[in-house]
PDB file of all heavy atoms in Angstrom:
ATOM      1  N   VAL A   1      10.433   4.372 -12.705  1.00  0.00           N
ATOM      2  CA  VAL A   1       8.973   4.498 -12.709  1.00  0.00           C
ATOM      3  C   VAL A   1       8.511   5.350 -13.891  1.00  0.00           C
ATOM      4  O   VAL A   1       7.350   5.751 -13.957  1.00  0.00           O
ATOM      5  CB  VAL A   1       8.453   5.101 -11.380  1.00  0.00           C
ATOM      6  CG1 VAL A   1       8.690   4.139 -10.238  1.00  0.00           C
ATOM      7  CG2 VAL A   1       9.094   6.459 -11.108  1.00  0.00           C
ATOM      8  N   ASN A   2       9.385   5.609 -14.839  1.00  0.00           N
ATOM      9  CA  ASN A   2       8.989   6.247 -16.086  1.00  0.00           C
ATOM     10  C   ASN A   2       8.293   5.207 -16.960  1.00  0.00           C
ATOM     11  O   ASN A   2       8.817   4.116 -17.183  1.00  0.00           O
ATOM     12  CB  ASN A   2      10.228   6.806 -16.806  1.00  0.00           C
ATOM     13  CG  ASN A   2       9.865   7.651 -18.002  1.00  0.00           C
ATOM     14  OD1 ASN A   2       9.155   7.215 -18.900  1.00  0.00           O
ATOM     15  ND2 ASN A   2      10.376   8.872 -18.035  1.00  0.00           N
ATOM     16  N   THR A   3       7.112   5.556 -17.467  1.00  0.00           N
ATOM     17  CA  THR A   3       6.346   4.580 -18.252  1.00  0.00           C
ATOM     18  C   THR A   3       7.013   4.249 -19.586  1.00  0.00           C
ATOM     19  O   THR A   3       6.589   3.330 -20.279  1.00  0.00           O
ATOM     20  CB  THR A   3       4.920   5.093 -18.523  1.00  0.00           C
ATOM     21  OG1 THR A   3       4.990   6.375 -19.164  1.00  0.00           O
ATOM     22  CG2 THR A   3       4.144   5.233 -17.214  1.00  0.00           C
ATOM     23  N   GLY A   4       8.046   4.988 -19.952  1.00  0.00           N
ATOM     24  CA  GLY A   4       8.796   4.659 -21.155  1.00  0.00           C
ATOM     25  C   GLY A   4       9.792   3.533 -20.967  1.00  0.00           C
ATOM     26  O   GLY A   4      10.342   3.018 -21.943  1.00  0.00           O
ATOM     27  N   CYS A   5      10.017   3.144 -19.728  1.00  0.00           N
ATOM     28  CA  CYS A   5      10.962   2.066 -19.440  1.00  0.00           C
ATOM     29  C   CYS A   5      10.285   0.721 -19.636  1.00  0.00           C
ATOM     30  O   CYS A   5       9.205   0.478 -19.090  1.00  0.00           O
ATOM     31  CB  CYS A   5      11.461   2.195 -18.005  1.00  0.00           C
ATOM     32  SG  CYS A   5      12.609   0.903 -17.502  1.00  0.00           S
ATOM     33  N   GLY A   6      10.913  -0.184 -20.415  1.00  0.00           N
ATOM     34  CA  GLY A   6      10.247  -1.454 -20.636  1.00  0.00           C
ATOM     35  C   GLY A   6      11.062  -2.479 -21.378  1.00  0.00           C
ATOM     36  O   GLY A   6      12.268  -2.327 -21.590  1.00  0.00           O
ATOM     37  N   MET A   7      10.362  -3.541 -21.793  1.00  0.00           N
ATOM     38  CA  MET A   7      10.958  -4.653 -22.533  1.00  0.00           C
ATOM     39  C   MET A   7      10.027  -5.053 -23.673  1.00  0.00           C
ATOM     40  O   MET A   7       8.822  -5.220 -23.464  1.00  0.00           O
ATOM     41  CB  MET A   7      11.181  -5.860 -21.624  1.00  0.00           C
ATOM     42  CG  MET A   7      12.273  -5.691 -20.589  1.00  0.00           C
ATOM     43  SD  MET A   7      12.453  -7.200 -19.584  1.00  0.00           S
ATOM     44  CE  MET A   7      11.119  -6.941 -18.406  1.00  0.00           C
ATOM     45  N   TYR A   8      10.602  -5.203 -24.857  1.00  0.00           N
ATOM     46  CA  TYR A   8       9.856  -5.748 -25.985  1.00  0.00           C
ATOM     47  C   TYR A   8       9.797  -7.268 -25.884  1.00  0.00           C
ATOM     48  O   TYR A   8      10.766  -7.919 -25.484  1.00  0.00           O
ATOM     49  CB  TYR A   8      10.519  -5.383 -27.310  1.00  0.00           C
ATOM     50  CG  TYR A   8      10.154  -4.017 -27.827  1.00  0.00           C
ATOM     51  CD1 TYR A   8      11.124  -3.030 -27.974  1.00  0.00           C
ATOM     52  CD2 TYR A   8       8.838  -3.718 -28.184  1.00  0.00           C
ATOM     53  CE1 TYR A   8      10.791  -1.774 -28.473  1.00  0.00           C
ATOM     54  CE2 TYR A   8       8.498  -2.466 -28.676  1.00  0.00           C
ATOM     55  CZ  TYR A   8       9.476  -1.501 -28.810  1.00  0.00           C
ATOM     56  OH  TYR A   8       9.143  -0.261 -29.302  1.00  0.00           O
ATOM     57  N   ALA A   9       8.642  -7.816 -26.272  1.00  0.00           N
ATOM     58  CA  ALA A   9       8.531  -9.262 -26.477  1.00  0.00           C
ATOM     59  C   ALA A   9       8.677  -9.490 -27.979  1.00  0.00           C
ATOM     60  O   ALA A   9       7.729  -9.321 -28.755  1.00  0.00           O
ATOM     61  CB  ALA A   9       7.191  -9.773 -25.965  1.00  0.00           C
ATOM     62  N   LYS A  10       9.885  -9.832 -28.398  1.00  0.00           N
ATOM     63  CA  LYS A  10      10.217  -9.941 -29.811  1.00  0.00           C
ATOM     64  C   LYS A  10       9.988 -11.369 -30.304  1.00  0.00           C
ATOM     65  O   LYS A  10      10.503 -12.326 -29.713  1.00  0.00           O
ATOM     66  CB  LYS A  10      11.677  -9.544 -30.035  1.00  0.00           C
ATOM     67  CG  LYS A  10      12.112  -9.550 -31.488  1.00  0.00           C
ATOM     68  CD  LYS A  10      13.555  -9.082 -31.620  1.00  0.00           C
ATOM     69  CE  LYS A  10      14.000  -9.110 -33.076  1.00  0.00           C
ATOM     70  NZ  LYS A  10      15.409  -8.658 -33.221  1.00  0.00           N
ATOM     71  N   PRO A  11       9.224 -11.558 -31.374  1.00  0.00           N
ATOM     72  CA  PRO A  11       8.931 -12.911 -31.859  1.00  0.00           C
ATOM     73  C   PRO A  11      10.209 -13.675 -32.218  1.00  0.00           C
ATOM     74  O   PRO A  11      11.114 -13.135 -32.853  1.00  0.00           O
ATOM     75  CB  PRO A  11       8.074 -12.667 -33.105  1.00  0.00           C
ATOM     76  CG  PRO A  11       7.486 -11.315 -32.898  1.00  0.00           C
ATOM     77  CD  PRO A  11       8.526 -10.530 -32.170  1.00  0.00           C
ATOM     78  N   ASP A  12      10.260 -14.916 -31.766  1.00  0.00           N
ATOM     79  CA  ASP A  12      11.356 -15.830 -32.130  1.00  0.00           C
ATOM     80  C   ASP A  12      10.912 -16.564 -33.398  1.00  0.00           C
ATOM     81  O   ASP A  12      10.052 -17.447 -33.345  1.00  0.00           O
ATOM     82  CB  ASP A  12      11.603 -16.808 -30.979  1.00  0.00           C
ATOM     83  CG  ASP A  12      12.788 -17.726 -31.223  1.00  0.00           C
ATOM     84  OD1 ASP A  12      13.173 -17.913 -32.397  1.00  0.00           O
ATOM     85  OD2 ASP A  12      13.321 -18.280 -30.252  1.00  0.00           O
ATOM     86  N   MET A  13      11.495 -16.211 -34.534  1.00  0.00           N
ATOM     87  CA  MET A  13      11.033 -16.753 -35.806  1.00  0.00           C
ATOM     88  C   MET A  13      11.333 -18.235 -35.955  1.00  0.00           C
ATOM     89  O   MET A  13      10.730 -18.928 -36.779  1.00  0.00           O
ATOM     90  CB  MET A  13      11.654 -15.971 -36.964  1.00  0.00           C
ATOM     91  CG  MET A  13      11.303 -14.486 -36.941  1.00  0.00           C
ATOM     92  SD  MET A  13       9.514 -14.179 -36.837  1.00  0.00           S
ATOM     93  CE  MET A  13       8.972 -14.811 -38.413  1.00  0.00           C
ATOM     94  N   ALA A  14      12.251 -18.759 -35.150  1.00  0.00           N
ATOM     95  CA  ALA A  14      12.579 -20.185 -35.215  1.00  0.00           C
ATOM     96  C   ALA A  14      11.647 -21.020 -34.345  1.00  0.00           C
ATOM     97  O   ALA A  14      11.585 -22.242 -34.496  1.00  0.00           O
ATOM     98  CB  ALA A  14      14.032 -20.408 -34.804  1.00  0.00           C
ATOM     99  N   ASN A  15      10.927 -20.365 -33.438  1.00  0.00           N
ATOM    100  CA  ASN A  15      10.028 -21.079 -32.519  1.00  0.00           C
ATOM    101  C   ASN A  15       8.693 -20.329 -32.469  1.00  0.00           C
ATOM    102  O   ASN A  15       8.548 -19.359 -31.718  1.00  0.00           O
ATOM    103  CB  ASN A  15      10.640 -21.161 -31.120  1.00  0.00           C
ATOM    104  CG  ASN A  15      11.933 -21.939 -31.090  1.00  0.00           C
ATOM    105  OD1 ASN A  15      11.936 -23.171 -31.191  1.00  0.00           O
ATOM    106  ND2 ASN A  15      13.055 -21.222 -30.953  1.00  0.00           N
ATOM    107  N   ARG A  16       7.771 -20.778 -33.283  1.00  0.00           N
ATOM    108  CA  ARG A  16       6.476 -20.112 -33.402  1.00  0.00           C
ATOM    109  C   ARG A  16       5.771 -20.053 -32.049  1.00  0.00           C
ATOM    110  O   ARG A  16       5.695 -21.058 -31.335  1.00  0.00           O
ATOM    111  CB  ARG A  16       5.601 -20.858 -34.410  1.00  0.00           C
ATOM    112  CG  ARG A  16       4.267 -20.190 -34.693  1.00  0.00           C
ATOM    113  CD  ARG A  16       3.500 -20.973 -35.749  1.00  0.00           C
ATOM    114  NE  ARG A  16       2.201 -20.394 -35.994  1.00  0.00           N
ATOM    115  CZ  ARG A  16       1.958 -19.375 -36.818  1.00  0.00           C
ATOM    116  NH1 ARG A  16       2.953 -18.838 -37.481  1.00  0.00           N
ATOM    117  NH2 ARG A  16       0.733 -18.905 -36.982  1.00  0.00           N
ATOM    118  N   GLY A  17       5.271 -18.872 -31.689  1.00  0.00           N
ATOM    119  CA  GLY A  17       4.567 -18.700 -30.423  1.00  0.00           C
ATOM    120  C   GLY A  17       5.467 -18.319 -29.270  1.00  0.00           C
ATOM    121  O   GLY A  17       4.988 -18.132 -28.148  1.00  0.00           O
ATOM    122  N   THR A  18       6.771 -18.202 -29.513  1.00  0.00           N
ATOM    123  CA  THR A  18       7.715 -17.797 -28.474  1.00  0.00           C
ATOM    124  C   THR A  18       8.158 -16.359 -28.729  1.00  0.00           C
ATOM    125  O   THR A  18       8.461 -15.975 -29.859  1.00  0.00           O
ATOM    126  CB  THR A  18       8.944 -18.714 -28.451  1.00  0.00           C
ATOM    127  OG1 THR A  18       8.528 -20.037 -28.100  1.00  0.00           O
ATOM    128  CG2 THR A  18       9.967 -18.240 -27.428  1.00  0.00           C
ATOM    129  N   TYR A  19       8.183 -15.575 -27.656  1.00  0.00           N
ATOM    130  CA  TYR A  19       8.614 -14.180 -27.723  1.00  0.00           C
ATOM    131  C   TYR A  19       9.752 -13.989 -26.728  1.00  0.00           C
ATOM    132  O   TYR A  19       9.596 -14.248 -25.532  1.00  0.00           O
ATOM    133  CB  TYR A  19       7.459 -13.234 -27.365  1.00  0.00           C
ATOM    134  CG  TYR A  19       6.296 -13.298 -28.310  1.00  0.00           C
ATOM    135  CD1 TYR A  19       5.362 -14.339 -28.240  1.00  0.00           C
ATOM    136  CD2 TYR A  19       6.102 -12.323 -29.275  1.00  0.00           C
ATOM    137  CE1 TYR A  19       4.287 -14.400 -29.103  1.00  0.00           C
ATOM    138  CE2 TYR A  19       5.029 -12.362 -30.147  1.00  0.00           C
ATOM    139  CZ  TYR A  19       4.128 -13.407 -30.056  1.00  0.00           C
ATOM    140  OH  TYR A  19       3.057 -13.464 -30.921  1.00  0.00           O
ATOM    141  N   ASN A  20      10.899 -13.549 -27.217  1.00  0.00           N
ATOM    142  CA  ASN A  20      12.044 -13.294 -26.359  1.00  0.00           C
ATOM    143  C   ASN A  20      12.000 -11.857 -25.854  1.00  0.00           C
ATOM    144  O   ASN A  20      11.789 -10.918 -26.629  1.00  0.00           O
ATOM    145  CB  ASN A  20      13.345 -13.533 -27.121  1.00  0.00           C
ATOM    146  CG  ASN A  20      13.470 -14.975 -27.582  1.00  0.00           C
ATOM    147  OD1 ASN A  20      13.154 -15.901 -26.842  1.00  0.00           O
ATOM    148  ND2 ASN A  20      13.922 -15.176 -28.814  1.00  0.00           N
ATOM    149  N   LEU A  21      12.193 -11.682 -24.546  1.00  0.00           N
ATOM    150  CA  LEU A  21      12.109 -10.348 -23.958  1.00  0.00           C
ATOM    151  C   LEU A  21      13.464  -9.649 -24.024  1.00  0.00           C
ATOM    152  O   LEU A  21      14.474 -10.202 -23.605  1.00  0.00           O
ATOM    153  CB  LEU A  21      11.605 -10.415 -22.518  1.00  0.00           C
ATOM    154  CG  LEU A  21      10.070 -10.333 -22.399  1.00  0.00           C
ATOM    155  CD1 LEU A  21       9.419 -11.606 -22.899  1.00  0.00           C
ATOM    156  CD2 LEU A  21       9.622 -10.024 -20.999  1.00  0.00           C
ATOM    157  N   GLU A  22      13.440  -8.431 -24.556  1.00  0.00           N
ATOM    158  CA  GLU A  22      14.644  -7.638 -24.722  1.00  0.00           C
ATOM    159  C   GLU A  22      14.370  -6.207 -24.267  1.00  0.00           C
ATOM    160  O   GLU A  22      13.249  -5.718 -24.400  1.00  0.00           O
ATOM    161  CB  GLU A  22      15.081  -7.613 -26.196  1.00  0.00           C
ATOM    162  CG  GLU A  22      15.356  -8.982 -26.785  1.00  0.00           C
ATOM    163  CD  GLU A  22      15.718  -8.903 -28.258  1.00  0.00           C
ATOM    164  OE1 GLU A  22      15.694  -7.774 -28.813  1.00  0.00           O
ATOM    165  OE2 GLU A  22      16.020  -9.954 -28.844  1.00  0.00           O
ATOM    166  N   PRO A  23      15.381  -5.494 -23.744  1.00  0.00           N
ATOM    167  CA  PRO A  23      15.179  -4.100 -23.335  1.00  0.00           C
ATOM    168  C   PRO A  23      14.718  -3.243 -24.509  1.00  0.00           C
ATOM    169  O   PRO A  23      15.146  -3.454 -25.648  1.00  0.00           O
ATOM    170  CB  PRO A  23      16.567  -3.652 -22.855  1.00  0.00           C
ATOM    171  CG  PRO A  23      17.305  -4.915 -22.564  1.00  0.00           C
ATOM    172  CD  PRO A  23      16.764  -5.949 -23.502  1.00  0.00           C
ATOM    173  N   ASN A  24      13.819  -2.303 -24.239  1.00  0.00           N
ATOM    174  CA  ASN A  24      13.437  -1.375 -25.299  1.00  0.00           C
ATOM    175  C   ASN A  24      14.466  -0.253 -25.389  1.00  0.00           C
ATOM    176  O   ASN A  24      15.552  -0.338 -24.810  1.00  0.00           O
ATOM    177  CB  ASN A  24      12.022  -0.843 -25.066  1.00  0.00           C
ATOM    178  CG  ASN A  24      11.938   0.138 -23.901  1.00  0.00           C
ATOM    179  OD1 ASN A  24      12.806   0.166 -23.031  1.00  0.00           O
ATOM    180  ND2 ASN A  24      10.878   0.929 -23.866  1.00  0.00           N
ATOM    181  N   GLU A  25      14.140   0.798 -26.092  1.00  0.00           N
ATOM    182  CA  GLU A  25      15.116   1.839 -26.366  1.00  0.00           C
ATOM    183  C   GLU A  25      15.226   2.861 -25.241  1.00  0.00           C
ATOM    184  O   GLU A  25      15.856   3.901 -25.400  1.00  0.00           O
ATOM    185  CB  GLU A  25      14.761   2.560 -27.673  1.00  0.00           C
ATOM    186  CG  GLU A  25      14.855   1.692 -28.919  1.00  0.00           C
ATOM    187  CD  GLU A  25      13.595   0.893 -29.175  1.00  0.00           C
ATOM    188  OE1 GLU A  25      12.643   0.995 -28.363  1.00  0.00           O
ATOM    189  OE2 GLU A  25      13.550   0.162 -30.172  1.00  0.00           O
ATOM    190  N   TYR A  26      14.596   2.606 -24.097  1.00  0.00           N
ATOM    191  CA  TYR A  26      14.681   3.547 -22.977  1.00  0.00           C
ATOM    192  C   TYR A  26      16.134   3.707 -22.544  1.00  0.00           C
ATOM    193  O   TYR A  26      16.843   2.728 -22.309  1.00  0.00           O
ATOM    194  CB  TYR A  26      13.820   3.053 -21.817  1.00  0.00           C
ATOM    195  CG  TYR A  26      13.725   4.031 -20.669  1.00  0.00           C
ATOM    196  CD1 TYR A  26      12.984   5.203 -20.802  1.00  0.00           C
ATOM    197  CD2 TYR A  26      14.374   3.788 -19.472  1.00  0.00           C
ATOM    198  CE1 TYR A  26      12.887   6.094 -19.764  1.00  0.00           C
ATOM    199  CE2 TYR A  26      14.281   4.686 -18.414  1.00  0.00           C
ATOM    200  CZ  TYR A  26      13.540   5.841 -18.575  1.00  0.00           C
ATOM    201  OH  TYR A  26      13.454   6.736 -17.541  1.00  0.00           O
ATOM    202  N   ALA A  27      16.582   4.949 -22.405  1.00  0.00           N
ATOM    203  CA  ALA A  27      18.014   5.240 -22.344  1.00  0.00           C
ATOM    204  C   ALA A  27      18.697   4.818 -21.046  1.00  0.00           C
ATOM    205  O   ALA A  27      19.830   4.340 -21.067  1.00  0.00           O
ATOM    206  CB  ALA A  27      18.245   6.734 -22.576  1.00  0.00           C
ATOM    207  N   THR A  28      18.030   4.994 -19.911  1.00  0.00           N
ATOM    208  CA  THR A  28      18.766   4.879 -18.644  1.00  0.00           C
ATOM    209  C   THR A  28      18.681   3.514 -17.971  1.00  0.00           C
ATOM    210  O   THR A  28      19.466   3.219 -17.089  1.00  0.00           O
ATOM    211  CB  THR A  28      18.266   5.950 -17.651  1.00  0.00           C
ATOM    212  OG1 THR A  28      16.870   5.735 -17.377  1.00  0.00           O
ATOM    213  CG2 THR A  28      18.464   7.338 -18.217  1.00  0.00           C
ATOM    214  N   VAL A  29      17.708   2.697 -18.383  1.00  0.00           N
ATOM    215  CA  VAL A  29      17.559   1.367 -17.767  1.00  0.00           C
ATOM    216  C   VAL A  29      17.408   0.324 -18.872  1.00  0.00           C
ATOM    217  O   VAL A  29      16.474   0.400 -19.663  1.00  0.00           O
ATOM    218  CB  VAL A  29      16.331   1.314 -16.827  1.00  0.00           C
ATOM    219  CG1 VAL A  29      16.164  -0.093 -16.266  1.00  0.00           C
ATOM    220  CG2 VAL A  29      16.456   2.333 -15.694  1.00  0.00           C
ATOM    221  N   HIS A  30      18.320  -0.635 -18.909  1.00  0.00           N
ATOM    222  CA  HIS A  30      18.229  -1.737 -19.863  1.00  0.00           C
ATOM    223  C   HIS A  30      17.559  -2.910 -19.144  1.00  0.00           C
ATOM    224  O   HIS A  30      18.214  -3.797 -18.596  1.00  0.00           O
ATOM    225  CB  HIS A  30      19.622  -2.100 -20.378  1.00  0.00           C
ATOM    226  CG  HIS A  30      20.304  -0.973 -21.086  1.00  0.00           C
ATOM    227  ND1 HIS A  30      19.964  -0.586 -22.361  1.00  0.00           N
ATOM    228  CD2 HIS A  30      21.262  -0.109 -20.670  1.00  0.00           C
ATOM    229  CE1 HIS A  30      20.697   0.444 -22.718  1.00  0.00           C
ATOM    230  NE2 HIS A  30      21.495   0.759 -21.713  1.00  0.00           N
ATOM    231  N   ALA A  31      16.240  -2.876 -19.166  1.00  0.00           N
ATOM    232  CA  ALA A  31      15.462  -3.743 -18.291  1.00  0.00           C
ATOM    233  C   ALA A  31      15.518  -5.206 -18.715  1.00  0.00           C
ATOM    234  O   ALA A  31      15.501  -5.527 -19.911  1.00  0.00           O
ATOM    235  CB  ALA A  31      14.011  -3.271 -18.266  1.00  0.00           C
ATOM    236  N   ASN A  32      15.571  -6.087 -17.710  1.00  0.00           N
ATOM    237  CA  ASN A  32      15.460  -7.522 -17.945  1.00  0.00           C
ATOM    238  C   ASN A  32      14.696  -8.227 -16.824  1.00  0.00           C
ATOM    239  O   ASN A  32      14.671  -9.456 -16.763  1.00  0.00           O
ATOM    240  CB  ASN A  32      16.844  -8.162 -18.116  1.00  0.00           C
ATOM    241  CG  ASN A  32      17.693  -8.067 -16.861  1.00  0.00           C
ATOM    242  OD1 ASN A  32      17.266  -7.500 -15.844  1.00  0.00           O
ATOM    243  ND2 ASN A  32      18.903  -8.616 -16.916  1.00  0.00           N
ATOM    244  N   SER A  33      14.077  -7.440 -15.911  1.00  0.00           N
ATOM    245  CA  SER A  33      13.376  -8.004 -14.767  1.00  0.00           C
ATOM    246  C   SER A  33      12.171  -7.130 -14.422  1.00  0.00           C
ATOM    247  O   SER A  33      12.052  -5.998 -14.908  1.00  0.00           O
ATOM    248  CB  SER A  33      14.313  -8.085 -13.549  1.00  0.00           C
ATOM    249  OG  SER A  33      15.478  -8.818 -13.841  1.00  0.00           O
ATOM    250  N   PHE A  34      11.272  -7.676 -13.584  1.00  0.00           N
ATOM    251  CA  PHE A  34      10.149  -6.917 -13.053  1.00  0.00           C
ATOM    252  C   PHE A  34      10.381  -6.656 -11.571  1.00  0.00           C
ATOM    253  O   PHE A  34      10.999  -7.465 -10.873  1.00  0.00           O
ATOM    254  CB  PHE A  34       8.831  -7.674 -13.216  1.00  0.00           C
ATOM    255  CG  PHE A  34       8.453  -7.966 -14.638  1.00  0.00           C
ATOM    256  CD1 PHE A  34       7.750  -9.115 -14.948  1.00  0.00           C
ATOM    257  CD2 PHE A  34       8.767  -7.088 -15.666  1.00  0.00           C
ATOM    258  CE1 PHE A  34       7.388  -9.405 -16.250  1.00  0.00           C
ATOM    259  CE2 PHE A  34       8.412  -7.357 -16.976  1.00  0.00           C
ATOM    260  CZ  PHE A  34       7.718  -8.522 -17.263  1.00  0.00           C
ATOM    261  N   TYR A  35       9.835  -5.547 -11.086  1.00  0.00           N
ATOM    262  CA  TYR A  35      10.008  -5.175  -9.683  1.00  0.00           C
ATOM    263  C   TYR A  35       8.767  -4.438  -9.215  1.00  0.00           C
ATOM    264  O   TYR A  35       8.272  -3.537  -9.893  1.00  0.00           O
ATOM    265  CB  TYR A  35      11.261  -4.295  -9.540  1.00  0.00           C
ATOM    266  CG  TYR A  35      11.475  -3.684  -8.184  1.00  0.00           C
ATOM    267  CD1 TYR A  35      11.575  -4.475  -7.041  1.00  0.00           C
ATOM    268  CD2 TYR A  35      11.614  -2.298  -8.043  1.00  0.00           C
ATOM    269  CE1 TYR A  35      11.792  -3.911  -5.797  1.00  0.00           C
ATOM    270  CE2 TYR A  35      11.843  -1.724  -6.808  1.00  0.00           C
ATOM    271  CZ  TYR A  35      11.924  -2.532  -5.687  1.00  0.00           C
ATOM    272  OH  TYR A  35      12.151  -1.974  -4.452  1.00  0.00           O
ATOM    273  N   ILE A  36       8.241  -4.823  -8.040  1.00  0.00           N
ATOM    274  CA  ILE A  36       7.103  -4.155  -7.434  1.00  0.00           C
ATOM    275  C   ILE A  36       7.623  -3.200  -6.367  1.00  0.00           C
ATOM    276  O   ILE A  36       8.286  -3.619  -5.421  1.00  0.00           O
ATOM    277  CB  ILE A  36       6.120  -5.158  -6.814  1.00  0.00           C
ATOM    278  CG1 ILE A  36       5.649  -6.159  -7.866  1.00  0.00           C
ATOM    279  CG2 ILE A  36       4.931  -4.433  -6.200  1.00  0.00           C
ATOM    280  CD1 ILE A  36       4.876  -5.559  -9.008  1.00  0.00           C
ATOM    281  N   ALA A  37       7.331  -1.906  -6.543  1.00  0.00           N
ATOM    282  CA  ALA A  37       7.840  -0.876  -5.632  1.00  0.00           C
ATOM    283  C   ALA A  37       6.684  -0.095  -5.025  1.00  0.00           C
ATOM    284  O   ALA A  37       5.594  -0.023  -5.595  1.00  0.00           O
ATOM    285  CB  ALA A  37       8.761   0.077  -6.384  1.00  0.00           C
ATOM    286  N   GLN A  38       6.939   0.494  -3.853  1.00  0.00           N
ATOM    287  CA  GLN A  38       5.964   1.403  -3.270  1.00  0.00           C
ATOM    288  C   GLN A  38       6.572   2.805  -3.244  1.00  0.00           C
ATOM    289  O   GLN A  38       7.762   2.984  -2.985  1.00  0.00           O
ATOM    290  CB  GLN A  38       5.541   0.971  -1.872  1.00  0.00           C
ATOM    291  CG  GLN A  38       6.640   1.006  -0.814  1.00  0.00           C
ATOM    292  CD  GLN A  38       6.112   0.636   0.561  1.00  0.00           C
ATOM    293  OE1 GLN A  38       4.958   0.236   0.694  1.00  0.00           O
ATOM    294  NE2 GLN A  38       6.948   0.761   1.575  1.00  0.00           N
ATOM    295  N   ILE A  39       5.759   3.783  -3.550  1.00  0.00           N
ATOM    296  CA  ILE A  39       6.225   5.147  -3.656  1.00  0.00           C
ATOM    297  C   ILE A  39       5.439   6.012  -2.669  1.00  0.00           C
ATOM    298  O   ILE A  39       4.226   6.165  -2.796  1.00  0.00           O
ATOM    299  CB  ILE A  39       6.034   5.689  -5.086  1.00  0.00           C
ATOM    300  CG1 ILE A  39       6.757   4.795  -6.099  1.00  0.00           C
ATOM    301  CG2 ILE A  39       6.514   7.133  -5.190  1.00  0.00           C
ATOM    302  CD1 ILE A  39       6.522   5.188  -7.541  1.00  0.00           C
ATOM    303  N   LYS A  40       6.154   6.545  -1.674  1.00  0.00           N
ATOM    304  CA  LYS A  40       5.528   7.481  -0.747  1.00  0.00           C
ATOM    305  C   LYS A  40       5.706   8.916  -1.216  1.00  0.00           C
ATOM    306  O   LYS A  40       4.880   9.774  -0.957  1.00  0.00           O
ATOM    307  CB  LYS A  40       6.119   7.300   0.654  1.00  0.00           C
ATOM    308  CG  LYS A  40       5.836   5.925   1.254  1.00  0.00           C
ATOM    309  CD  LYS A  40       6.407   5.793   2.646  1.00  0.00           C
ATOM    310  CE  LYS A  40       6.131   4.406   3.219  1.00  0.00           C
ATOM    311  NZ  LYS A  40       6.706   4.230   4.579  1.00  0.00           N
ATOM    312  N   SER A  41       6.790   9.152  -1.914  1.00  0.00           N
ATOM    313  CA  SER A  41       7.054  10.453  -2.531  1.00  0.00           C
ATOM    314  C   SER A  41       8.132  10.233  -3.574  1.00  0.00           C
ATOM    315  O   SER A  41       8.716   9.152  -3.662  1.00  0.00           O
ATOM    316  CB  SER A  41       7.520  11.474  -1.489  1.00  0.00           C
ATOM    317  OG  SER A  41       8.835  11.154  -1.041  1.00  0.00           O
ATOM    318  N   LEU A  42       8.437  11.258  -4.334  1.00  0.00           N
ATOM    319  CA  LEU A  42       9.482  11.117  -5.343  1.00  0.00           C
ATOM    320  C   LEU A  42      10.839  10.870  -4.707  1.00  0.00           C
ATOM    321  O   LEU A  42      11.750  10.360  -5.346  1.00  0.00           O
ATOM    322  CB  LEU A  42       9.533  12.374  -6.221  1.00  0.00           C
ATOM    323  CG  LEU A  42       8.324  12.584  -7.144  1.00  0.00           C
ATOM    324  CD1 LEU A  42       8.476  13.892  -7.907  1.00  0.00           C
ATOM    325  CD2 LEU A  42       8.167  11.415  -8.110  1.00  0.00           C
TER     326      LEU A  42
END
């Protein structure tokens, strides 16, 4: 739930208008999916 965790949509230069999703530089999670969570406390 750190807002620094994410995925870049990197342009695919061989296919105009297509963006490939890749993990960003966030250290602890190499993200490749989305998840909806509920937080009652930390």
